[in-house]
C-alpha atoms as a PDB file:
ATOM      1  CA  MET A   1       0.000   0.000   0.000  1.00  0.00           C
ATOM      2  CA  ALA A   2       2.962   2.308   0.647  1.00  0.00           C
ATOM      3  CA  LYS A   3       4.011   1.892  -3.008  1.00  0.00           C
ATOM      4  CA  LYS A   4       0.531   3.010  -4.045  1.00  0.00           C
ATOM      5  CA  GLY A   5       0.970   6.216  -2.059  1.00  0.00           C
ATOM      6  CA  ASN A   6      -1.327   5.383   0.860  1.00  0.00           C
ATOM      7  CA  LYS A   7      -0.491   7.919   3.575  1.00  0.00           C
ATOM      8  CA  GLY A   8      -1.252   5.561   6.444  1.00  0.00           C
ATOM      9  CA  ALA A   9       0.982   2.846   4.996  1.00  0.00           C
ATOM     10  CA  ILE A  10       3.823   5.290   4.248  1.00  0.00           C
ATOM     11  CA  GLY A  11       3.612   6.712   7.760  1.00  0.00           C
ATOM     12  CA  ALA A  12       3.722   3.201   9.222  1.00  0.00           C
ATOM     13  CA  CYS A  13       6.890   2.471   7.220  1.00  0.00           C
ATOM     14  CA  TYR A  14       8.536   5.590   8.667  1.00  0.00           C
ATOM     15  CA  GLU A  15       7.348   4.684  12.164  1.00  0.00           C
ATOM     16  CA  GLU A  16       8.791   1.145  11.971  1.00  0.00           C
ATOM     17  CA  GLY A  17      11.762   1.901   9.716  1.00  0.00           C
ATOM     18  CA  VAL A  18      10.830  -0.702   7.095  1.00  0.00           C
ATOM     19  CA  GLY A  19      10.306  -0.831   3.322  1.00  0.00           C
ATOM     20  CA  GLY A  20      13.388   1.262   2.607  1.00  0.00           C
ATOM     21  CA  TYR A  21      12.234   4.133   4.842  1.00  0.00           C
ATOM     22  CA  LYS A  22      14.452   5.473   7.622  1.00  0.00           C
ATOM     23  CA  LYS A  23      12.810   5.236  11.038  1.00  0.00           C
ATOM     24  CA  ASP A  24      11.434   8.671  11.896  1.00  0.00           C
ATOM     25  CA  LEU A  25       8.472   8.986  14.279  1.00  0.00           C
ATOM     26  CA  ALA A  26       8.045  12.731  13.750  1.00  0.00           C
ATOM     27  CA  GLU A  27       7.845  12.231   9.978  1.00  0.00           C
ATOM     28  CA  ALA A  28       5.398   9.347  10.472  1.00  0.00           C
ATOM     29  CA  VAL A  29       3.085  11.483  12.609  1.00  0.00           C
ATOM     30  CA  SER A  30       3.256  14.319  10.095  1.00  0.00           C
ATOM     31  CA  ILE A  31       2.244  11.946   7.287  1.00  0.00           C
ATOM     32  CA  TYR A  32      -0.558  10.477   9.417  1.00  0.00           C
ATOM     33  CA  LYS A  33      -1.925  13.986   9.953  1.00  0.00           C
ATOM     34  CA  ASP A  34      -1.828  14.682   6.213  1.00  0.00           C
ATOM     35  CA  GLY A  35      -3.633  11.409   5.584  1.00  0.00           C
ATOM     36  CA  ALA A  36      -6.249  12.180   8.233  1.00  0.00           C
ATOM     37  CA  ARG A  37      -7.005  15.494   6.510  1.00  0.00           C
ATOM     38  CA  GLU A  38      -7.698  13.429   3.384  1.00  0.00           C
ATOM     39  CA  HIS A  39      -9.955  11.081   5.404  1.00  0.00           C
ATOM     40  CA  ASP A  40      -7.626   8.100   5.035  1.00  0.00           C
ATOM     41  CA  ALA A  41      -8.788   5.342   7.424  1.00  0.00           C
ATOM     42  CA  ALA A  42      -5.317   3.920   8.121  1.00  0.00           C
ATOM     43  CA  SER A  43      -3.971   7.402   8.887  1.00  0.00           C
ATOM     44  CA  PHE A  44      -6.799   8.007  11.364  1.00  0.00           C
ATOM     45  CA  HIS A  45      -6.038   4.687  13.053  1.00  0.00           C
ATOM     46  CA  PHE A  46      -2.251   4.995  13.330  1.00  0.00           C
ATOM     47  CA  LEU A  47      -2.478   8.624  14.437  1.00  0.00           C
ATOM     48  CA  ALA A  48      -4.970   7.512  17.097  1.00  0.00           C
ATOM     49  CA  CYS A  49      -2.494   4.869  18.296  1.00  0.00           C
ATOM     50  CA  HIS A  50       0.137   7.603  18.625  1.00  0.00           C
ATOM     51  CA  PHE A  51      -2.143   9.776  20.800  1.00  0.00           C
ATOM     52  CA  GLU A  52      -3.251   6.724  22.796  1.00  0.00           C
ATOM     53  CA  GLU A  53       0.358   5.983  23.744  1.00  0.00           C
ATOM     54  CA  GLU A  54       0.821   9.503  25.132  1.00  0.00           C
ATOM     55  CA  GLY A  55      -1.512   8.477  27.963  1.00  0.00           C
ATOM     56  CA  THR A  56      -2.887  11.902  28.943  1.00  0.00           C
ATOM     57  CA  ASN A  57      -6.619  12.494  29.348  1.00  0.00           C
ATOM     58  CA  LYS A  58      -6.598  14.955  26.448  1.00  0.00           C
ATOM     59  CA  SER A  59      -4.719  12.563  24.165  1.00  0.00           C
ATOM     60  CA  LYS A  60      -7.131   9.716  25.037  1.00  0.00           C
ATOM     61  CA  VAL A  61     -10.085  11.861  23.946  1.00  0.00           C
ATOM     62  CA  ILE A  62      -8.319  12.667  20.661  1.00  0.00           C
ATOM     63  CA  ALA A  63      -7.418   8.989  20.181  1.00  0.00           C
ATOM     64  CA  ALA A  64     -11.024   7.859  20.716  1.00  0.00           C
ATOM     65  CA  THR A  65     -12.258  10.423  18.180  1.00  0.00           C
ATOM     66  CA  LEU A  66      -9.704   9.284  15.604  1.00  0.00           C
ATOM     67  CA  PHE A  67     -10.487   5.600  16.193  1.00  0.00           C
ATOM     68  CA  ARG A  68     -14.170   6.430  15.695  1.00  0.00           C
ATOM     69  CA  ASN A  69     -13.398   8.166  12.383  1.00  0.00           C
ATOM     70  CA  ALA A  70     -11.376   5.160  11.202  1.00  0.00           C
ATOM     71  CA  ALA A  71     -14.112   2.737  12.282  1.00  0.00           C
ATOM     72  CA  ARG A  72     -16.708   4.714  10.332  1.00  0.00           C
ATOM     73  CA  LEU A  73     -14.525   4.198   7.269  1.00  0.00           C
ATOM     74  CA  GLY A  74     -14.468   0.446   7.951  1.00  0.00           C
ATOM     75  CA  PHE A  75     -10.948   0.069   9.402  1.00  0.00           C
ATOM     76  CA  SER A  76     -11.403  -3.182  11.374  1.00  0.00           C
ATOM     77  CA  ALA A  77      -8.603  -2.681  13.932  1.00  0.00           C
ATOM     78  CA  SER A  78     -10.227   0.585  15.032  1.00  0.00           C
ATOM     79  CA  PHE A  79     -13.427  -1.217  16.052  1.00  0.00           C
ATOM     80  CA  SER A  80     -11.459  -3.205  18.612  1.00  0.00           C
ATOM     81  CA  LYS A  81      -9.515  -0.169  19.854  1.00  0.00           C
ATOM     82  CA  LEU A  82     -12.661   1.935  20.218  1.00  0.00           C
ATOM     83  CA  ALA A  83     -14.405  -0.938  22.002  1.00  0.00           C
ATOM     84  CA  LYS A  84     -11.615  -1.047  24.592  1.00  0.00           C
ATOM     85  CA  ALA A  85     -12.027   2.694  25.131  1.00  0.00           C
ATOM     86  CA  TYR A  86     -15.740   2.199  25.831  1.00  0.00           C
ATOM     87  CA  LEU A  87     -14.964  -0.677  28.200  1.00  0.00           C
ATOM     88  CA  THR A  88     -12.476   1.375  30.233  1.00  0.00           C
ATOM     89  CA  GLY A  89     -13.943   4.854  29.774  1.00  0.00           C
ATOM     90  CA  ASP A  90     -10.666   6.154  28.299  1.00  0.00           C
ATOM     91  CA  GLY A  91     -11.488   9.262  26.268  1.00  0.00           C
ATOM     92  CA  VAL A  92     -15.208   8.442  26.132  1.00  0.00           C
ATOM     93  CA  GLU A  93     -18.043   7.826  28.557  1.00  0.00           C
ATOM     94  CA  ARG A  94     -17.978   4.177  29.626  1.00  0.00           C
ATOM     95  CA  ASP A  95     -20.568   2.179  27.667  1.00  0.00           C
ATOM     96  CA  GLU A  96     -20.441  -1.625  27.882  1.00  0.00           C
ATOM     97  CA  GLN A  97     -23.238  -2.153  25.335  1.00  0.00           C
ATOM     98  CA  MET A  98     -21.454  -0.013  22.743  1.00  0.00           C
ATOM     99  CA  ALA A  99     -18.228  -1.871  23.490  1.00  0.00           C
ATOM    100  CA  VAL A 100     -19.713  -5.314  22.839  1.00  0.00           C
ATOM    101  CA  PHE A 101     -21.415  -4.035  19.670  1.00  0.00           C
ATOM    102  CA  LEU A 102     -18.042  -2.871  18.345  1.00  0.00           C
ATOM    103  CA  LEU A 103     -16.324  -6.097  19.414  1.00  0.00           C
ATOM    104  CA  ASP A 104     -18.996  -8.083  17.618  1.00  0.00           C
ATOM    105  CA  GLU A 105     -18.450  -6.043  14.451  1.00  0.00           C
ATOM    106  CA  ALA A 106     -14.675  -6.445  14.687  1.00  0.00           C
ATOM    107  CA  SER A 107     -15.002 -10.197  15.314  1.00  0.00           C
ATOM    108  CA  LEU A 108     -17.158 -10.562  12.215  1.00  0.00           C
ATOM    109  CA  LYS A 109     -14.385  -8.814  10.271  1.00  0.00           C
ATOM    110  CA  GLY A 110     -11.931 -11.474  11.481  1.00  0.00           C
ATOM    111  CA  ASP A 111     -10.124  -9.420  14.156  1.00  0.00           C
ATOM    112  CA  THR A 112      -8.751 -12.127  16.480  1.00  0.00           C
ATOM    113  CA  SER A 113      -7.858  -9.636  19.213  1.00  0.00           C
ATOM    114  CA  ALA A 114     -11.491  -8.495  19.244  1.00  0.00           C
ATOM    115  CA  MET A 115     -12.627 -12.117  19.468  1.00  0.00           C
ATOM    116  CA  CYS A 116     -10.537 -12.530  22.625  1.00  0.00           C
ATOM    117  CA  ASP A 117     -11.939  -9.347  24.175  1.00  0.00           C
ATOM    118  CA  PHE A 118     -15.486 -10.332  23.183  1.00  0.00           C
ATOM    119  CA  ALA A 119     -14.950 -13.764  24.738  1.00  0.00           C
ATOM    120  CA  GLU A 120     -13.854 -12.111  27.979  1.00  0.00           C
ATOM    121  CA  CYS A 121     -17.067 -10.043  27.978  1.00  0.00           C
ATOM    122  CA  TYR A 122     -19.133 -13.208  27.624  1.00  0.00           C
ATOM    123  CA  TYR A 123     -17.135 -14.914  30.373  1.00  0.00           C
ATOM    124  CA  LYS A 124     -17.568 -12.037  32.840  1.00  0.00           C
ATOM    125  CA  GLY A 125     -21.035 -10.931  31.697  1.00  0.00           C
ATOM    126  CA  THR A 126     -19.796  -7.481  30.658  1.00  0.00           C
ATOM    127  CA  GLY A 127     -22.397  -5.823  28.444  1.00  0.00           C
ATOM    128  CA  VAL A 128     -23.935  -9.220  27.661  1.00  0.00           C
ATOM    129  CA  VAL A 129     -25.488 -12.104  29.573  1.00  0.00           C
ATOM    130  CA  ALA A 130     -22.645 -14.299  30.830  1.00  0.00           C
ATOM    131  CA  ASP A 131     -22.244 -17.324  28.557  1.00  0.00           C
ATOM    132  CA  ILE A 132     -19.139 -19.476  28.946  1.00  0.00           C
ATOM    133  CA  THR A 133     -20.084 -21.512  25.864  1.00  0.00           C
ATOM    134  CA  MET A 134     -19.950 -18.387  23.674  1.00  0.00           C
ATOM    135  CA  ALA A 135     -16.696 -17.339  25.343  1.00  0.00           C
ATOM    136  CA  ILE A 136     -15.107 -20.693  24.520  1.00  0.00           C
ATOM    137  CA  GLN A 137     -16.381 -20.602  20.930  1.00  0.00           C
ATOM    138  CA  LEU A 138     -14.980 -17.112  20.292  1.00  0.00           C
ATOM    139  CA  ASN A 139     -11.600 -18.098  21.697  1.00  0.00           C
ATOM    140  CA  ARG A 140     -11.714 -21.287  19.626  1.00  0.00           C
ATOM    141  CA  ASN A 141     -12.329 -19.235  16.463  1.00  0.00           C
ATOM    142  CA  ALA A 142      -9.363 -16.992  17.243  1.00  0.00           C
ATOM    143  CA  ALA A 143      -7.136 -19.903  18.298  1.00  0.00           C
ATOM    144  CA  ASP A 144      -7.864 -21.729  15.035  1.00  0.00           C
ATOM    145  CA  VAL A 145      -6.070 -18.971  13.123  1.00  0.00           C
ATOM    146  CA  GLY A 146      -3.105 -18.901  15.507  1.00  0.00           C
ATOM    147  CA  GLU A 147      -4.015 -16.203  18.062  1.00  0.00           C
ATOM    148  CA  GLN A 148      -1.783 -17.159  21.021  1.00  0.00           C
ATOM    149  CA  ARG A 149      -3.812 -15.171  23.521  1.00  0.00           C
ATOM    150  CA  ALA A 150      -6.905 -17.131  22.490  1.00  0.00           C
ATOM    151  CA  ILE A 151      -5.156 -20.490  22.832  1.00  0.00           C
ATOM    152  CA  VAL A 152      -4.297 -19.736  26.469  1.00  0.00           C
ATOM    153  CA  ALA A 153      -7.733 -18.243  27.234  1.00  0.00           C
ATOM    154  CA  ARG A 154      -9.538 -21.162  25.606  1.00  0.00           C
ATOM    155  CA  ALA A 155      -7.703 -23.670  27.799  1.00  0.00           C
ATOM    156  CA  ARG A 156      -8.529 -21.600  30.898  1.00  0.00           C
ATOM    157  CA  LEU A 157     -12.221 -21.315  30.003  1.00  0.00           C
ATOM    158  CA  GLU A 158     -12.575 -24.991  29.113  1.00  0.00           C
ATOM    159  CA  GLU A 159     -11.024 -25.922  32.448  1.00  0.00           C
ATOM    160  CA  SER A 160     -13.437 -23.537  34.209  1.00  0.00           C
ATOM    161  CA  ALA A 161     -16.409 -25.033  32.342  1.00  0.00           C
ATOM    162  CA  LEU A 162     -15.284 -28.547  33.266  1.00  0.00           C
ATOM    163  CA  ASN A 163     -14.978 -27.559  36.926  1.00  0.00           C
ATOM    164  CA  GLU A 164     -18.492 -26.074  36.866  1.00  0.00           C
ATOM    165  CA  LEU A 165     -19.854 -29.240  35.283  1.00  0.00           C
ATOM    166  CA  GLN A 166     -18.113 -31.418  37.861  1.00  0.00           C
ATOM    167  CA  LYS A 167     -19.505 -29.223  40.636  1.00  0.00           C
ATOM    168  CA  GLU A 168     -23.029 -29.469  39.193  1.00  0.00           C
ATOM    169  CA  VAL A 169     -22.796 -33.241  38.860  1.00  0.00           C
ATOM    170  CA  SER A 170     -21.314 -33.542  42.345  1.00  0.00           C
ATOM    171  CA  GLU A 171     -24.160 -31.502  43.852  1.00  0.00           C
ATOM    172  CA  LYS A 172     -26.747 -33.722  42.171  1.00  0.00           C
ATOM    173  CA  VAL A 173     -25.010 -37.071  42.516  1.00  0.00           C
ATOM    174  CA  GLY A 174     -23.493 -36.492  45.979  1.00  0.00           C
ATOM    175  CA  PRO A 175     -26.776 -37.074  47.874  1.00  0.00           C
ATOM    176  CA  VAL A 176     -27.394 -40.144  45.720  1.00  0.00           C
ATOM    177  CA  VAL A 177     -24.023 -41.623  46.637  1.00  0.00           C
ATOM    178  CA  ALA A 178     -24.639 -40.841  50.313  1.00  0.00           C
ATOM    179  CA  LEU A 179     -27.966 -42.689  50.202  1.00  0.00           C
ATOM    180  CA  LEU A 180     -26.459 -45.670  48.400  1.00  0.00           C
ATOM    181  CA  LYS A 181     -23.723 -45.951  51.028  1.00  0.00           C
ATOM    182  CA  GLN A 182     -26.324 -46.277  53.772  1.00  0.00           C
ATOM    183  CA  GLY A 183     -27.337 -49.617  52.275  1.00  0.00           C
ATOM    184  CA  ARG A 184     -31.074 -49.368  53.085  1.00  0.00           C
ATOM    185  CA  ARG A 185     -33.520 -50.613  50.499  1.00  0.00           C
ATOM    186  CA  PRO A 186     -35.798 -47.501  50.559  1.00  0.00           C
ATOM    187  CA  GLN A 187     -32.816 -45.170  50.206  1.00  0.00           C
ATOM    188  CA  ASN A 188     -31.427 -47.302  47.392  1.00  0.00           C
ATOM    189  CA  LYS A 189     -34.749 -47.008  45.584  1.00  0.00           C
ATOM    190  CA  PHE A 190     -34.733 -43.222  46.087  1.00  0.00           C
ATOM    191  CA  ALA A 191     -31.100 -42.905  44.957  1.00  0.00           C
ATOM    192  CA  SER A 192     -31.594 -45.064  41.885  1.00  0.00           C
ATOM    193  CA  PHE A 193     -34.528 -42.912  40.791  1.00  0.00           C
ATOM    194  CA  PHE A 194     -32.431 -39.732  40.748  1.00  0.00           C
ATOM    195  CA  ARG A 195     -29.418 -41.522  39.305  1.00  0.00           C
ATOM    196  CA  ASN A 196     -31.574 -42.545  36.342  1.00  0.00           C
ATOM    197  CA  LEU A 197     -33.297 -39.145  36.132  1.00  0.00           C
ATOM    198  CA  LEU A 198     -30.088 -37.103  35.691  1.00  0.00           C
ATOM    199  CA  PRO A 199     -29.113 -38.529  32.258  1.00  0.00           C
ATOM    200  CA  LYS A 200     -32.696 -38.023  31.037  1.00  0.00           C
ATOM    201  CA  GLU A 201     -32.568 -34.328  32.016  1.00  0.00           C
ATOM    202  CA  ARG A 202     -29.185 -33.878  30.345  1.00  0.00           C
ATOM    203  CA  GLN A 203     -30.410 -35.520  27.135  1.00  0.00           C
ATOM    204  CA  LEU A 204     -33.470 -33.259  27.135  1.00  0.00           C
ATOM    205  CA  LYS A 205     -31.262 -30.179  27.467  1.00  0.00           C
ATOM    206  CA  LYS A 206     -29.010 -31.415  24.650  1.00  0.00           C
ATOM    207  CA  ASN A 207     -32.027 -32.028  22.424  1.00  0.00           C
ATOM    208  CA  PHE A 208     -33.307 -28.523  23.112  1.00  0.00           C
ATOM    209  CA  GLU A 209     -29.945 -26.905  22.292  1.00  0.00           C
ATOM    210  CA  GLU A 210     -29.750 -28.865  19.032  1.00  0.00           C
ATOM    211  CA  PHE A 211     -33.277 -27.813  18.162  1.00  0.00           C
ATOM    212  CA  VAL A 212     -32.583 -24.120  18.787  1.00  0.00           C
ATOM    213  CA  SER A 213     -29.410 -24.270  16.686  1.00  0.00           C
ATOM    214  CA  PHE A 214     -31.269 -25.141  13.496  1.00  0.00           C
ATOM    215  CA  TRP A 215     -34.739 -23.751  14.219  1.00  0.00           C
ATOM    216  CA  ASP A 216     -34.236 -20.269  12.707  1.00  0.00           C
ATOM    217  CA  GLY A 217     -33.261 -21.570   9.296  1.00  0.00           C
ATOM    218  CA  TYR A 218     -35.916 -24.274   9.435  1.00  0.00           C
ATOM    219  CA  ASN A 219     -38.637 -21.769  10.302  1.00  0.00           C
ATOM    220  CA  LYS A 220     -37.624 -19.396   7.494  1.00  0.00           C
ATOM    221  CA  LYS A 221     -37.784 -22.250   5.004  1.00  0.00           C
ATOM    222  CA  PHE A 222     -41.151 -23.707   6.007  1.00  0.00           C
ATOM    223  CA  LYS A 223     -42.850 -20.593   7.492  1.00  0.00           C
ATOM    224  CA  LEU A 224     -44.422 -22.519  10.382  1.00  0.00           C
ATOM    225  CA  ASP A 225     -47.123 -20.778  12.402  1.00  0.00           C
ATOM    226  CA  LYS A 226     -47.135 -20.674  16.209  1.00  0.00           C
ATOM    227  CA  ARG A 227     -49.284 -23.788  16.486  1.00  0.00           C
ATOM    228  CA  GLY A 228     -46.954 -25.573  14.077  1.00  0.00           C
ATOM    229  CA  LEU A 229     -43.966 -24.435  16.139  1.00  0.00           C
ATOM    230  CA  LYS A 230     -45.457 -25.833  19.350  1.00  0.00           C
ATOM    231  CA  SER A 231     -46.171 -29.143  17.657  1.00  0.00           C
ATOM    232  CA  VAL A 232     -42.626 -29.419  16.311  1.00  0.00           C
ATOM    233  CA  VAL A 233     -41.074 -28.400  19.641  1.00  0.00           C
ATOM    234  CA  ASP A 234     -43.181 -30.898  21.592  1.00  0.00           C
ATOM    235  CA  GLN A 235     -42.362 -33.656  19.177  1.00  0.00           C
ATOM    236  CA  TYR A 236     -38.652 -32.859  19.047  1.00  0.00           C
ATOM    237  CA  LEU A 237     -38.162 -32.507  22.776  1.00  0.00           C
ATOM    238  CA  ASP A 238     -40.599 -35.312  23.635  1.00  0.00           C
ATOM    239  CA  LEU A 239     -42.178 -32.975  26.181  1.00  0.00           C
ATOM    240  CA  ASP A 240     -45.296 -35.127  26.413  1.00  0.00           C
ATOM    241  CA  GLY A 241     -43.167 -38.107  27.362  1.00  0.00           C
ATOM    242  CA  LYS A 242     -41.343 -36.035  29.987  1.00  0.00           C
ATOM    243  CA  ARG A 243     -44.623 -34.800  31.492  1.00  0.00           C
ATOM    244  CA  GLN A 244     -45.952 -38.347  31.697  1.00  0.00           C
ATOM    245  CA  PHE A 245     -42.714 -39.484  33.322  1.00  0.00           C
ATOM    246  CA  GLU A 246     -42.891 -36.727  35.947  1.00  0.00           C
ATOM    247  CA  GLU A 247     -46.589 -37.329  36.626  1.00  0.00           C
ATOM    248  CA  LYS A 248     -46.045 -41.062  37.016  1.00  0.00           C
ATOM    249  CA  HIS A 249     -43.330 -40.580  39.626  1.00  0.00           C
ATOM    250  CA  ARG A 250     -44.577 -37.415  41.362  1.00  0.00           C
ATOM    251  CA  LYS A 251     -46.393 -39.269  44.135  1.00  0.00           C
ATOM    252  CA  SER A 252     -43.455 -41.536  44.900  1.00  0.00           C
ATOM    253  CA  ILE A 253     -41.092 -38.540  44.947  1.00  0.00           C
ATOM    254  CA  GLU A 254     -43.314 -36.638  47.380  1.00  0.00           C
ATOM    255  CA  GLU A 255     -43.575 -39.693  49.614  1.00  0.00           C
ATOM    256  CA  LEU A 256     -39.852 -40.328  49.584  1.00  0.00           C
ATOM    257  CA  MET A 257     -39.131 -36.660  50.354  1.00  0.00           C
ATOM    258  CA  ASN A 258     -41.436 -36.796  53.406  1.00  0.00           C
ATOM    259  CA  PRO A 259     -39.267 -37.429  56.519  1.00  0.00           C
ATOM    260  CA  MET A 260     -42.070 -39.347  58.277  1.00  0.00           C
ATOM    261  CA  VAL A 261     -42.508 -41.667  55.322  1.00  0.00           C
ATOM    262  CA  GLN A 262     -38.752 -42.188  55.162  1.00  0.00           C
ATOM    263  CA  MET A 263     -38.693 -43.060  58.862  1.00  0.00           C
ATOM    264  CA  GLN A 264     -41.564 -45.544  58.439  1.00  0.00           C
ATOM    265  CA  MET A 265     -39.775 -47.138  55.508  1.00  0.00           C
ATOM    266  CA  LEU A 266     -36.583 -47.416  57.533  1.00  0.00           C
ATOM    267  CA  ILE A 267     -38.469 -49.127  60.369  1.00  0.00           C
ATOM    268  CA  ALA A 268     -40.107 -51.480  57.890  1.00  0.00           C
ATOM    269  CA  SER A 269     -36.730 -52.115  56.312  1.00  0.00           C
ATOM    270  CA  ASP A 270     -35.207 -53.009  59.696  1.00  0.00           C
ATOM    271  CA  GLY A 271     -38.017 -55.470  60.247  1.00  0.00           C
ATOM    272  CA  ASP A 272     -37.276 -57.155  56.926  1.00  0.00           C
ATOM    273  CA  GLU A 273     -33.598 -57.631  57.651  1.00  0.00           C
END
């Protein structure tokens, strides 16, 4: 681009001392300013980076304005930079929703740094509803094209997700294991019920997630009405079967959860042994 006379590219060559240009920051900044006057997106961006590095409040305001100008002209790296400004409040009023909007736009343009920042927003629930699955997916997308920061973050998030899953399973299965260890027939019956119920609930959730993933395209193709949607959802998720299952076992669950009934069953169990 420098050979074609692009001011931003020429200025960058002076700033880095590459492409046959002698390193000269003052000359680079001067060229960036000329390019900005001509509304060159790259010049806006690199000049903004220069003001950002100065670190003063005034320079941060100027940097944010220049990043905004570059973003309006479609310069993808400026979306990410401006998003960070909105996240921190540097040079602009802090606005998490605007930040995630810009990160989303930058991610769609293939900016891997933005993908990492967007993933962090999803992980922490900054400007969006916390969603570790989305955070992992964004880091995976960036890692797939070699973004080192994403590779590290992805491993951290996947470990966190695994720990959460283990905690969830432990909370549900722990009482079951405790009951099984007691060795009483009524408790064994109670424990077995929940041990069998857990996989059913997980499969139902998986079915629902799969359904949601293709529903939008399916609906656009077949133009189903609301009644048709309910019918398809019920059939896909087997909700009728789940309701029947819950109804069938509701009475036994209520009885088993009643301490008096449990005590009576224990006494009866002792008599049998």
